[in-house]
Amino acid sequence: MPRQICRGKQGEGNTKTPTSPLDSVDNLRRAIPDKRHENSQQRKTLSSAISGIFTYMLEKENT
């Protein structure tokens, strides 16, 4: 969906984009930092740390 550019009188330099409700929702979504990615990254780090501890303990028991 291409956006139109509303031009004011010549020399005003007005380049307002018409905002639909959906556009403002998109802008709000962009303004709110996405925490889900951060949480999944922490979860990955935690699970890899736990699995590392378990493999270390298993190797220690086997030797």
N, C-alpha and C. Protein backbone atom coordinates (compact mmCIF):
# COMPACT_ATOMS: atom_id res chain seq x y z
N MET A 1 0.84 -1.19 0.00
CA MET A 1 0.00 0.00 0.00
C MET A 1 0.88 1.25 0.00
N PRO A 2 0.99 1.93 -1.13
CA PRO A 2 1.87 3.11 -1.19
C PRO A 2 1.29 4.28 -0.42
N ARG A 3 2.17 5.05 0.18
CA ARG A 3 1.72 6.22 0.94
C ARG A 3 1.76 7.45 0.06
N GLN A 4 0.71 8.27 0.12
CA GLN A 4 0.73 9.52 -0.63
C GLN A 4 1.40 10.58 0.23
N ILE A 5 1.97 11.53 -0.44
CA ILE A 5 2.57 12.66 0.28
C ILE A 5 1.71 13.89 0.02
N CYS A 6 1.19 14.48 1.08
CA CYS A 6 0.36 15.68 0.93
C CYS A 6 1.29 16.88 0.85
N ARG A 7 1.21 17.61 -0.23
CA ARG A 7 2.07 18.79 -0.38
C ARG A 7 1.28 20.05 -0.07
N GLY A 8 1.88 20.94 0.69
CA GLY A 8 1.24 22.23 0.98
C GLY A 8 1.47 23.18 -0.18
N LYS A 9 1.35 24.47 0.08
CA LYS A 9 1.61 25.46 -0.96
C LYS A 9 3.10 25.43 -1.31
N GLN A 10 3.42 25.89 -2.51
CA GLN A 10 4.81 25.84 -2.97
C GLN A 10 5.71 26.62 -2.01
N GLY A 11 6.81 25.99 -1.60
CA GLY A 11 7.77 26.66 -0.74
C GLY A 11 7.53 26.43 0.74
N GLU A 12 6.40 25.80 1.10
CA GLU A 12 6.16 25.53 2.51
C GLU A 12 6.97 24.33 3.00
N GLY A 13 7.21 23.38 2.09
CA GLY A 13 7.96 22.20 2.48
C GLY A 13 7.16 21.28 3.37
N ASN A 14 5.86 21.19 3.11
CA ASN A 14 5.00 20.35 3.95
C ASN A 14 4.91 18.96 3.34
N THR A 15 5.45 17.96 4.02
CA THR A 15 5.38 16.58 3.50
C THR A 15 4.75 15.69 4.57
N LYS A 16 3.55 16.05 5.00
CA LYS A 16 2.85 15.23 5.99
C LYS A 16 2.27 14.00 5.29
N THR A 17 2.41 12.84 5.91
CA THR A 17 1.75 11.67 5.35
C THR A 17 0.40 11.54 6.02
N PRO A 18 -0.63 11.24 5.27
CA PRO A 18 -1.95 11.06 5.89
C PRO A 18 -1.93 9.83 6.80
N THR A 19 -2.38 9.98 8.02
CA THR A 19 -2.30 8.85 8.95
C THR A 19 -3.65 8.19 9.05
N SER A 20 -3.64 6.88 8.83
CA SER A 20 -4.83 6.08 9.09
C SER A 20 -4.69 5.51 10.49
N PRO A 21 -5.76 5.02 11.09
CA PRO A 21 -5.63 4.41 12.43
C PRO A 21 -4.60 3.30 12.47
N LEU A 22 -4.53 2.53 11.36
CA LEU A 22 -3.55 1.44 11.33
C LEU A 22 -2.13 1.96 11.38
N ASP A 23 -1.86 3.07 10.68
CA ASP A 23 -0.53 3.65 10.71
C ASP A 23 -0.13 4.04 12.13
N SER A 24 -1.07 4.66 12.86
CA SER A 24 -0.73 5.10 14.21
C SER A 24 -0.48 3.89 15.11
N VAL A 25 -1.22 2.79 14.88
CA VAL A 25 -0.96 1.57 15.67
C VAL A 25 0.43 1.04 15.36
N ASP A 26 0.81 1.05 14.07
CA ASP A 26 2.15 0.61 13.69
C ASP A 26 3.21 1.46 14.37
N ASN A 27 3.00 2.78 14.39
CA ASN A 27 3.96 3.66 15.02
C ASN A 27 4.08 3.37 16.51
N LEU A 28 2.95 3.09 17.15
CA LEU A 28 2.98 2.75 18.57
C LEU A 28 3.75 1.46 18.79
N ARG A 29 3.51 0.48 17.93
CA ARG A 29 4.22 -0.79 18.06
C ARG A 29 5.72 -0.59 17.92
N ARG A 30 6.09 0.32 17.01
CA ARG A 30 7.52 0.58 16.82
C ARG A 30 8.09 1.31 18.03
N ALA A 31 7.28 2.13 18.66
CA ALA A 31 7.78 2.93 19.80
C ALA A 31 7.99 2.05 21.03
N ILE A 32 7.15 1.01 21.19
CA ILE A 32 7.29 0.13 22.34
C ILE A 32 8.41 -0.86 22.06
N PRO A 33 9.44 -0.90 22.87
CA PRO A 33 10.53 -1.84 22.61
C PRO A 33 10.03 -3.28 22.72
N ASP A 34 10.49 -4.12 21.82
CA ASP A 34 10.01 -5.49 21.75
C ASP A 34 10.73 -6.32 22.80
N LYS A 35 10.04 -6.68 23.87
CA LYS A 35 10.66 -7.43 24.95
C LYS A 35 10.68 -8.93 24.67
N ARG A 36 9.80 -9.38 23.76
CA ARG A 36 9.71 -10.83 23.53
C ARG A 36 11.03 -11.38 23.03
N HIS A 37 11.69 -10.66 22.14
CA HIS A 37 12.96 -11.13 21.60
C HIS A 37 14.00 -11.23 22.71
N GLU A 38 14.01 -10.20 23.57
CA GLU A 38 14.96 -10.18 24.69
C GLU A 38 14.75 -11.39 25.59
N ASN A 39 13.47 -11.67 25.92
CA ASN A 39 13.17 -12.80 26.80
C ASN A 39 13.58 -14.11 26.18
N SER A 40 13.32 -14.29 24.88
CA SER A 40 13.69 -15.56 24.25
C SER A 40 15.21 -15.71 24.24
N GLN A 41 15.92 -14.60 24.07
CA GLN A 41 17.38 -14.65 24.09
C GLN A 41 17.86 -15.09 25.48
N GLN A 42 17.26 -14.53 26.54
CA GLN A 42 17.64 -14.90 27.89
C GLN A 42 17.32 -16.37 28.15
N ARG A 43 16.16 -16.82 27.63
CA ARG A 43 15.77 -18.21 27.83
C ARG A 43 16.77 -19.15 27.16
N LYS A 44 17.20 -18.78 25.94
CA LYS A 44 18.18 -19.60 25.23
C LYS A 44 19.48 -19.67 26.02
N THR A 45 19.93 -18.53 26.51
CA THR A 45 21.18 -18.49 27.27
C THR A 45 21.07 -19.35 28.53
N LEU A 46 19.94 -19.23 29.22
CA LEU A 46 19.73 -19.98 30.45
C LEU A 46 19.70 -21.48 30.17
N SER A 47 18.96 -21.89 29.13
CA SER A 47 18.86 -23.32 28.85
C SER A 47 20.21 -23.89 28.43
N SER A 48 20.98 -23.11 27.67
CA SER A 48 22.29 -23.62 27.27
C SER A 48 23.21 -23.71 28.48
N ALA A 49 23.09 -22.77 29.42
CA ALA A 49 23.91 -22.83 30.63
C ALA A 49 23.55 -24.06 31.46
N ILE A 50 22.25 -24.32 31.60
CA ILE A 50 21.81 -25.48 32.39
C ILE A 50 22.29 -26.77 31.75
N SER A 51 22.14 -26.88 30.42
CA SER A 51 22.57 -28.11 29.75
C SER A 51 24.09 -28.26 29.87
N GLY A 52 24.81 -27.14 29.85
CA GLY A 52 26.25 -27.21 30.02
C GLY A 52 26.63 -27.72 31.40
N ILE A 53 25.91 -27.26 32.42
CA ILE A 53 26.17 -27.73 33.78
C ILE A 53 25.88 -29.23 33.89
N PHE A 54 24.77 -29.67 33.28
CA PHE A 54 24.43 -31.10 33.36
C PHE A 54 25.47 -31.95 32.66
N THR A 55 25.92 -31.54 31.48
CA THR A 55 26.92 -32.35 30.78
C THR A 55 28.21 -32.37 31.58
N TYR A 56 28.57 -31.24 32.21
CA TYR A 56 29.78 -31.20 33.03
C TYR A 56 29.66 -32.19 34.18
N MET A 57 28.50 -32.20 34.85
CA MET A 57 28.32 -33.10 35.98
C MET A 57 28.35 -34.56 35.53
N LEU A 58 27.74 -34.85 34.40
CA LEU A 58 27.75 -36.23 33.89
C LEU A 58 29.16 -36.67 33.54
N GLU A 59 29.92 -35.80 32.89
CA GLU A 59 31.29 -36.15 32.53
C GLU A 59 32.13 -36.35 33.79
N LYS A 60 31.88 -35.54 34.81
CA LYS A 60 32.63 -35.66 36.06
C LYS A 60 32.33 -36.99 36.74
N GLU A 61 31.03 -37.42 36.67
CA GLU A 61 30.66 -38.70 37.28
C GLU A 61 31.27 -39.87 36.54
N ASN A 62 31.35 -39.77 35.22
CA ASN A 62 31.85 -40.89 34.42
C ASN A 62 33.34 -41.08 34.58
N THR A 63 34.08 -40.04 34.94
CA THR A 63 35.53 -40.21 35.06
C THR A 63 35.93 -40.60 36.47
